[in-house]
Amino acid sequence: FEVMAVQGTGNPRLMASGISMATIPTMAGMVAA
């Protein structure tokens, strides 16, 4: 959301890094559990 607020929705690469920051920890926490 921070990237979207600053850059808009025109930069998918920056949004993708935020989305991976959102999904990878969830996956890692579930695998650990």
Full PDB file with SEQRES, HELIX, SHEET, SSBOND, CRYST1, ORIGX, SCALE, CONECT and MASTER records, all heavy atoms in Angstrom:
SEQRES   1 A   33  PHE GLU VAL MET ALA VAL GLN GLY THR GLY ASN PRO ARG          
SEQRES   2 A   33  LEU MET ALA SER GLY ILE SER MET ALA THR ILE PRO THR          
SEQRES   3 A   33  MET ALA GLY MET VAL ALA ALA                                  
HELIX    1 AA1 GLU A    2  GLN A    7  1                                   6    
HELIX    2 AA2 PRO A   12  ALA A   32  1                                  21    
CRYST1    1.000    1.000    1.000  90.00  90.00  90.00 P 1           1          
ORIGX1      1.000000  0.000000  0.000000        0.00000                         
ORIGX2      0.000000  1.000000  0.000000        0.00000                         
ORIGX3      0.000000  0.000000  1.000000        0.00000                         
SCALE1      1.000000  0.000000  0.000000        0.00000                         
SCALE2      0.000000  1.000000  0.000000        0.00000                         
SCALE3      0.000000  0.000000  1.000000        0.00000                         
ATOM      1  N   PHE A   1       0.819  -1.209   0.000  1.00  0.00           N  
ATOM      2  CA  PHE A   1       0.000   0.000   0.000  1.00  0.00           C  
ATOM      3  C   PHE A   1       0.858   1.267   0.000  1.00  0.00           C  
ATOM      4  O   PHE A   1       0.487   2.276  -0.588  1.00  0.00           O  
ATOM      5  CB  PHE A   1      -0.957   0.002   1.189  1.00  0.00           C  
ATOM      6  CG  PHE A   1      -2.006  -1.062   1.102  1.00  0.00           C  
ATOM      7  CD1 PHE A   1      -2.331  -1.825   2.207  1.00  0.00           C  
ATOM      8  CD2 PHE A   1      -2.670  -1.323  -0.092  1.00  0.00           C  
ATOM      9  CE1 PHE A   1      -3.298  -2.811   2.123  1.00  0.00           C  
ATOM     10  CE2 PHE A   1      -3.640  -2.306  -0.184  1.00  0.00           C  
ATOM     11  CZ  PHE A   1      -3.951  -3.059   0.930  1.00  0.00           C  
ATOM     12  N   GLU A   2       2.006   1.175   0.653  1.00  0.00           N  
ATOM     13  CA  GLU A   2       2.933   2.310   0.655  1.00  0.00           C  
ATOM     14  C   GLU A   2       3.448   2.587  -0.759  1.00  0.00           C  
ATOM     15  O   GLU A   2       3.511   3.731  -1.203  1.00  0.00           O  
ATOM     16  CB  GLU A   2       4.097   1.987   1.598  1.00  0.00           C  
ATOM     17  CG  GLU A   2       4.785   3.174   2.185  1.00  0.00           C  
ATOM     18  CD  GLU A   2       5.772   2.719   3.235  1.00  0.00           C  
ATOM     19  OE1 GLU A   2       5.362   2.560   4.398  1.00  0.00           O  
ATOM     20  OE2 GLU A   2       6.953   2.494   2.872  1.00  0.00           O  
ATOM     21  N   VAL A   3       3.817   1.533  -1.483  1.00  0.00           N  
ATOM     22  CA  VAL A   3       4.281   1.687  -2.865  1.00  0.00           C  
ATOM     23  C   VAL A   3       3.161   2.239  -3.734  1.00  0.00           C  
ATOM     24  O   VAL A   3       3.382   3.119  -4.568  1.00  0.00           O  
ATOM     25  CB  VAL A   3       4.790   0.328  -3.421  1.00  0.00           C  
ATOM     26  CG1 VAL A   3       4.946   0.364  -4.922  1.00  0.00           C  
ATOM     27  CG2 VAL A   3       6.093  -0.057  -2.756  1.00  0.00           C  
ATOM     28  N   MET A   4       1.952   1.735  -3.521  1.00  0.00           N  
ATOM     29  CA  MET A   4       0.817   2.222  -4.316  1.00  0.00           C  
ATOM     30  C   MET A   4       0.533   3.695  -4.030  1.00  0.00           C  
ATOM     31  O   MET A   4       0.163   4.446  -4.931  1.00  0.00           O  
ATOM     32  CB  MET A   4      -0.431   1.374  -4.031  1.00  0.00           C  
ATOM     33  CG  MET A   4      -0.346  -0.007  -4.640  1.00  0.00           C  
ATOM     34  SD  MET A   4      -1.711  -1.102  -4.166  1.00  0.00           S  
ATOM     35  CE  MET A   4      -3.098  -0.264  -4.880  1.00  0.00           C  
ATOM     36  N   ALA A   5       0.716   4.100  -2.785  1.00  0.00           N  
ATOM     37  CA  ALA A   5       0.464   5.498  -2.440  1.00  0.00           C  
ATOM     38  C   ALA A   5       1.511   6.413  -3.051  1.00  0.00           C  
ATOM     39  O   ALA A   5       1.202   7.525  -3.486  1.00  0.00           O  
ATOM     40  CB  ALA A   5       0.436   5.658  -0.920  1.00  0.00           C  
ATOM     41  N   VAL A   6       2.758   5.962  -3.100  1.00  0.00           N  
ATOM     42  CA  VAL A   6       3.848   6.805  -3.599  1.00  0.00           C  
ATOM     43  C   VAL A   6       3.966   6.716  -5.110  1.00  0.00           C  
ATOM     44  O   VAL A   6       4.047   7.727  -5.805  1.00  0.00           O  
ATOM     45  CB  VAL A   6       5.181   6.414  -2.918  1.00  0.00           C  
ATOM     46  CG1 VAL A   6       6.352   7.158  -3.517  1.00  0.00           C  
ATOM     47  CG2 VAL A   6       5.105   6.667  -1.424  1.00  0.00           C  
ATOM     48  N   GLN A   7       3.946   5.498  -5.660  1.00  0.00           N  
ATOM     49  CA  GLN A   7       4.213   5.279  -7.073  1.00  0.00           C  
ATOM     50  C   GLN A   7       2.947   5.125  -7.912  1.00  0.00           C  
ATOM     51  O   GLN A   7       3.030   5.171  -9.129  1.00  0.00           O  
ATOM     52  CB  GLN A   7       5.065   4.010  -7.255  1.00  0.00           C  
ATOM     53  CG  GLN A   7       6.379   4.022  -6.535  1.00  0.00           C  
ATOM     54  CD  GLN A   7       7.444   4.786  -7.292  1.00  0.00           C  
ATOM     55  OE1 GLN A   7       7.435   4.804  -8.517  1.00  0.00           O  
ATOM     56  NE2 GLN A   7       8.345   5.419  -6.570  1.00  0.00           N  
ATOM     57  N   GLY A   8       1.837   4.851  -7.256  1.00  0.00           N  
ATOM     58  CA  GLY A   8       0.631   4.512  -8.004  1.00  0.00           C  
ATOM     59  C   GLY A   8       0.653   3.034  -8.336  1.00  0.00           C  
ATOM     60  O   GLY A   8       1.488   2.270  -7.855  1.00  0.00           O  
ATOM     61  N   THR A   9      -0.253   2.600  -9.201  1.00  0.00           N  
ATOM     62  CA  THR A   9      -0.310   1.181  -9.550  1.00  0.00           C  
ATOM     63  C   THR A   9       0.481   0.888 -10.820  1.00  0.00           C  
ATOM     64  O   THR A   9       0.399  -0.197 -11.368  1.00  0.00           O  
ATOM     65  CB  THR A   9      -1.778   0.744  -9.751  1.00  0.00           C  
ATOM     66  OG1 THR A   9      -2.360   1.580 -10.759  1.00  0.00           O  
ATOM     67  CG2 THR A   9      -2.551   0.841  -8.470  1.00  0.00           C  
ATOM     68  N   GLY A  10       1.273   1.829 -11.284  1.00  0.00           N  
ATOM     69  CA  GLY A  10       1.996   1.662 -12.539  1.00  0.00           C  
ATOM     70  C   GLY A  10       3.312   0.913 -12.409  1.00  0.00           C  
ATOM     71  O   GLY A  10       3.964   0.652 -13.411  1.00  0.00           O  
ATOM     72  N   ASN A  11       3.745   0.571 -11.198  1.00  0.00           N  
ATOM     73  CA  ASN A  11       5.024  -0.124 -11.030  1.00  0.00           C  
ATOM     74  C   ASN A  11       4.774  -1.507 -10.407  1.00  0.00           C  
ATOM     75  O   ASN A  11       4.879  -1.672  -9.196  1.00  0.00           O  
ATOM     76  CB  ASN A  11       5.965   0.711 -10.156  1.00  0.00           C  
ATOM     77  CG  ASN A  11       7.393   0.231 -10.246  1.00  0.00           C  
ATOM     78  OD1 ASN A  11       7.656  -0.890 -10.659  1.00  0.00           O  
ATOM     79  ND2 ASN A  11       8.312   1.082  -9.845  1.00  0.00           N  
ATOM     80  N   PRO A  12       4.477  -2.507 -11.239  1.00  0.00           N  
ATOM     81  CA  PRO A  12       4.154  -3.840 -10.698  1.00  0.00           C  
ATOM     82  C   PRO A  12       5.343  -4.521 -10.033  1.00  0.00           C  
ATOM     83  O   PRO A  12       5.163  -5.352  -9.149  1.00  0.00           O  
ATOM     84  CB  PRO A  12       3.677  -4.621 -11.913  1.00  0.00           C  
ATOM     85  CG  PRO A  12       4.130  -3.874 -13.100  1.00  0.00           C  
ATOM     86  CD  PRO A  12       4.329  -2.451 -12.685  1.00  0.00           C  
ATOM     87  N   ARG A  13       6.568  -4.177 -10.435  1.00  0.00           N  
ATOM     88  CA  ARG A  13       7.736  -4.819  -9.834  1.00  0.00           C  
ATOM     89  C   ARG A  13       7.853  -4.478  -8.348  1.00  0.00           C  
ATOM     90  O   ARG A  13       8.136  -5.339  -7.517  1.00  0.00           O  
ATOM     91  CB  ARG A  13       9.001  -4.388 -10.581  1.00  0.00           C  
ATOM     92  CG  ARG A  13      10.236  -5.136 -10.134  1.00  0.00           C  
ATOM     93  CD  ARG A  13      11.389  -4.772 -11.007  1.00  0.00           C  
ATOM     94  NE  ARG A  13      11.064  -5.132 -12.382  1.00  0.00           N  
ATOM     95  CZ  ARG A  13      11.830  -5.856 -13.164  1.00  0.00           C  
ATOM     96  NH1 ARG A  13      12.984  -6.261 -12.721  1.00  0.00           N  
ATOM     97  NH2 ARG A  13      11.475  -6.155 -14.380  1.00  0.00           N  
ATOM     98  N   LEU A  14       7.639  -3.212  -8.001  1.00  0.00           N  
ATOM     99  CA  LEU A  14       7.699  -2.828  -6.595  1.00  0.00           C  
ATOM    100  C   LEU A  14       6.536  -3.429  -5.810  1.00  0.00           C  
ATOM    101  O   LEU A  14       6.704  -3.819  -4.647  1.00  0.00           O  
ATOM    102  CB  LEU A  14       7.697  -1.302  -6.454  1.00  0.00           C  
ATOM    103  CG  LEU A  14       8.990  -0.596  -6.858  1.00  0.00           C  
ATOM    104  CD1 LEU A  14       8.819   0.915  -6.795  1.00  0.00           C  
ATOM    105  CD2 LEU A  14      10.134  -1.040  -5.972  1.00  0.00           C  
ATOM    106  N   MET A  15       5.368  -3.515  -6.429  1.00  0.00           N  
ATOM    107  CA  MET A  15       4.226  -4.139  -5.752  1.00  0.00           C  
ATOM    108  C   MET A  15       4.480  -5.628  -5.538  1.00  0.00           C  
ATOM    109  O   MET A  15       4.107  -6.185  -4.508  1.00  0.00           O  
ATOM    110  CB  MET A  15       2.937  -3.916  -6.550  1.00  0.00           C  
ATOM    111  CG  MET A  15       2.470  -2.485  -6.459  1.00  0.00           C  
ATOM    112  SD  MET A  15       0.904  -2.076  -7.240  1.00  0.00           S  
ATOM    113  CE  MET A  15       0.230  -3.512  -7.876  1.00  0.00           C  
ATOM    114  N   ALA A  16       5.134  -6.283  -6.491  1.00  0.00           N  
ATOM    115  CA  ALA A  16       5.420  -7.716  -6.360  1.00  0.00           C  
ATOM    116  C   ALA A  16       6.353  -7.994  -5.195  1.00  0.00           C  
ATOM    117  O   ALA A  16       6.198  -9.004  -4.496  1.00  0.00           O  
ATOM    118  CB  ALA A  16       6.013  -8.252  -7.656  1.00  0.00           C  
ATOM    119  N   SER A  17       7.325  -7.118  -4.962  1.00  0.00           N  
ATOM    120  CA  SER A  17       8.223  -7.351  -3.827  1.00  0.00           C  
ATOM    121  C   SER A  17       7.458  -7.237  -2.510  1.00  0.00           C  
ATOM    122  O   SER A  17       7.714  -7.990  -1.570  1.00  0.00           O  
ATOM    123  CB  SER A  17       9.401  -6.385  -3.861  1.00  0.00           C  
ATOM    124  OG  SER A  17       8.983  -5.076  -3.530  1.00  0.00           O  
ATOM    125  N   GLY A  18       6.512  -6.314  -2.439  1.00  0.00           N  
ATOM    126  CA  GLY A  18       5.689  -6.206  -1.231  1.00  0.00           C  
ATOM    127  C   GLY A  18       4.780  -7.403  -1.046  1.00  0.00           C  
ATOM    128  O   GLY A  18       4.551  -7.864   0.076  1.00  0.00           O  
ATOM    129  N   ILE A  19       4.266  -7.915  -2.169  1.00  0.00           N  
ATOM    130  CA  ILE A  19       3.392  -9.096  -2.078  1.00  0.00           C  
ATOM    131  C   ILE A  19       4.196 -10.314  -1.638  1.00  0.00           C  
ATOM    132  O   ILE A  19       3.730 -11.125  -0.836  1.00  0.00           O  
ATOM    133  CB  ILE A  19       2.656  -9.331  -3.411  1.00  0.00           C  
ATOM    134  CG1 ILE A  19       1.638  -8.215  -3.621  1.00  0.00           C  
ATOM    135  CG2 ILE A  19       1.982 -10.691  -3.442  1.00  0.00           C  
ATOM    136  CD1 ILE A  19       0.971  -8.202  -4.960  1.00  0.00           C  
ATOM    137  N   SER A  20       5.424 -10.458  -2.124  1.00  0.00           N  
ATOM    138  CA  SER A  20       6.234 -11.587  -1.646  1.00  0.00           C  
ATOM    139  C   SER A  20       6.608 -11.396  -0.184  1.00  0.00           C  
ATOM    140  O   SER A  20       6.709 -12.364   0.562  1.00  0.00           O  
ATOM    141  CB  SER A  20       7.458 -11.826  -2.513  1.00  0.00           C  
ATOM    142  OG  SER A  20       8.198 -10.679  -2.696  1.00  0.00           O  
ATOM    143  N   MET A  21       6.785 -10.124   0.238  1.00  0.00           N  
ATOM    144  CA  MET A  21       7.016  -9.890   1.670  1.00  0.00           C  
ATOM    145  C   MET A  21       5.775 -10.240   2.480  1.00  0.00           C  
ATOM    146  O   MET A  21       5.871 -10.466   3.683  1.00  0.00           O  
ATOM    147  CB  MET A  21       7.390  -8.425   1.927  1.00  0.00           C  
ATOM    148  CG  MET A  21       8.846  -8.119   1.675  1.00  0.00           C  
ATOM    149  SD  MET A  21       9.260  -6.396   1.961  1.00  0.00           S  
ATOM    150  CE  MET A  21       8.737  -6.141   3.624  1.00  0.00           C  
ATOM    151  N   ALA A  22       4.610 -10.273   1.826  1.00  0.00           N  
ATOM    152  CA  ALA A  22       3.377 -10.621   2.526  1.00  0.00           C  
ATOM    153  C   ALA A  22       3.134 -12.123   2.549  1.00  0.00           C  
ATOM    154  O   ALA A  22       2.575 -12.646   3.517  1.00  0.00           O  
ATOM    155  CB  ALA A  22       2.189  -9.921   1.871  1.00  0.00           C  
ATOM    156  N   THR A  23       3.524 -12.835   1.516  1.00  0.00           N  
ATOM    157  CA  THR A  23       3.192 -14.266   1.442  1.00  0.00           C  
ATOM    158  C   THR A  23       4.286 -15.180   1.995  1.00  0.00           C  
ATOM    159  O   THR A  23       3.979 -16.202   2.601  1.00  0.00           O  
ATOM    160  CB  THR A  23       2.892 -14.672  -0.013  1.00  0.00           C  
ATOM    161  OG1 THR A  23       3.989 -14.302  -0.838  1.00  0.00           O  
ATOM    162  CG2 THR A  23       1.628 -14.000  -0.510  1.00  0.00           C  
ATOM    163  N   ILE A  24       5.529 -14.833   1.790  1.00  0.00           N  
ATOM    164  CA  ILE A  24       6.626 -15.717   2.231  1.00  0.00           C  
ATOM    165  C   ILE A  24       6.652 -15.906   3.749  1.00  0.00           C  
ATOM    166  O   ILE A  24       6.796 -17.037   4.215  1.00  0.00           O  
ATOM    167  CB  ILE A  24       7.977 -15.228   1.666  1.00  0.00           C  
ATOM    168  CG1 ILE A  24       8.002 -15.468   0.160  1.00  0.00           C  
ATOM    169  CG2 ILE A  24       9.138 -15.915   2.346  1.00  0.00           C  
ATOM    170  CD1 ILE A  24       9.236 -14.956  -0.537  1.00  0.00           C  
ATOM    171  N   PRO A  25       6.511 -14.852   4.569  1.00  0.00           N  
ATOM    172  CA  PRO A  25       6.506 -15.102   6.021  1.00  0.00           C  
ATOM    173  C   PRO A  25       5.332 -15.972   6.478  1.00  0.00           C  
ATOM    174  O   PRO A  25       5.484 -16.783   7.394  1.00  0.00           O  
ATOM    175  CB  PRO A  25       6.403 -13.709   6.632  1.00  0.00           C  
ATOM    176  CG  PRO A  25       6.916 -12.795   5.599  1.00  0.00           C  
ATOM    177  CD  PRO A  25       6.542 -13.411   4.293  1.00  0.00           C  
ATOM    178  N   THR A  26       4.188 -15.820   5.824  1.00  0.00           N  
ATOM    179  CA  THR A  26       3.041 -16.655   6.184  1.00  0.00           C  
ATOM    180  C   THR A  26       3.352 -18.117   5.898  1.00  0.00           C  
ATOM    181  O   THR A  26       3.110 -18.996   6.733  1.00  0.00           O  
ATOM    182  CB  THR A  26       1.792 -16.220   5.401  1.00  0.00           C  
ATOM    183  OG1 THR A  26       1.568 -14.842   5.642  1.00  0.00           O  
ATOM    184  CG2 THR A  26       0.579 -17.017   5.812  1.00  0.00           C  
ATOM    185  N   MET A  27       3.905 -18.377   4.709  1.00  0.00           N  
ATOM    186  CA  MET A  27       4.270 -19.736   4.346  1.00  0.00           C  
ATOM    187  C   MET A  27       5.327 -20.280   5.311  1.00  0.00           C  
ATOM    188  O   MET A  27       5.227 -21.412   5.787  1.00  0.00           O  
ATOM    189  CB  MET A  27       4.806 -19.779   2.918  1.00  0.00           C  
ATOM    190  CG  MET A  27       5.284 -21.147   2.506  1.00  0.00           C  
ATOM    191  SD  MET A  27       6.540 -21.179   1.234  1.00  0.00           S  
ATOM    192  CE  MET A  27       7.802 -20.115   1.841  1.00  0.00           C  
ATOM    193  N   ALA A  28       6.333 -19.473   5.623  1.00  0.00           N  
ATOM    194  CA  ALA A  28       7.403 -19.930   6.518  1.00  0.00           C  
ATOM    195  C   ALA A  28       6.854 -20.225   7.916  1.00  0.00           C  
ATOM    196  O   ALA A  28       7.238 -21.229   8.541  1.00  0.00           O  
ATOM    197  CB  ALA A  28       8.500 -18.873   6.589  1.00  0.00           C  
ATOM    198  N   GLY A  29       5.959 -19.379   8.403  1.00  0.00           N  
ATOM    199  CA  GLY A  29       5.361 -19.619   9.720  1.00  0.00           C  
ATOM    200  C   GLY A  29       4.539 -20.891   9.751  1.00  0.00           C  
ATOM    201  O   GLY A  29       4.573 -21.648  10.724  1.00  0.00           O  
ATOM    202  N   MET A  30       3.805 -21.156   8.668  1.00  0.00           N  
ATOM    203  CA  MET A  30       2.993 -22.368   8.612  1.00  0.00           C  
ATOM    204  C   MET A  30       3.872 -23.622   8.523  1.00  0.00           C  
ATOM    205  O   MET A  30       3.604 -24.622   9.197  1.00  0.00           O  
ATOM    206  CB  MET A  30       2.036 -22.321   7.415  1.00  0.00           C  
ATOM    207  CG  MET A  30       1.005 -21.230   7.523  1.00  0.00           C  
ATOM    208  SD  MET A  30       0.025 -21.393   8.997  1.00  0.00           S  
ATOM    209  CE  MET A  30      -1.380 -22.195   8.335  1.00  0.00           C  
ATOM    210  N   VAL A  31       4.907 -23.571   7.708  1.00  0.00           N  
ATOM    211  CA  VAL A  31       5.814 -24.720   7.584  1.00  0.00           C  
ATOM    212  C   VAL A  31       6.511 -24.986   8.919  1.00  0.00           C  
ATOM    213  O   VAL A  31       6.638 -26.142   9.351  1.00  0.00           O  
ATOM    214  CB  VAL A  31       6.839 -24.489   6.450  1.00  0.00           C  
ATOM    215  CG1 VAL A  31       7.945 -25.511   6.488  1.00  0.00           C  
ATOM    216  CG2 VAL A  31       6.137 -24.509   5.100  1.00  0.00           C  
ATOM    217  N   ALA A  32       6.943 -23.917   9.583  1.00  0.00           N  
ATOM    218  CA  ALA A  32       7.594 -24.080  10.891  1.00  0.00           C  
ATOM    219  C   ALA A  32       6.627 -24.717  11.887  1.00  0.00           C  
ATOM    220  O   ALA A  32       6.998 -25.626  12.632  1.00  0.00           O  
ATOM    221  CB  ALA A  32       8.082 -22.727  11.398  1.00  0.00           C  
ATOM    222  N   ALA A  33       5.389 -24.249  11.894  1.00  0.00           N  
ATOM    223  CA  ALA A  33       4.405 -24.791  12.833  1.00  0.00           C  
ATOM    224  C   ALA A  33       4.077 -26.249  12.518  1.00  0.00           C  
ATOM    225  O   ALA A  33       3.942 -27.065  13.431  1.00  0.00           O  
ATOM    226  CB  ALA A  33       3.130 -23.948  12.791  1.00  0.00           C  
TER     227      ALA A  33                                                      
MASTER        0    0    0    2    0    0    0    6  226    1    0    3          
END                                                                             
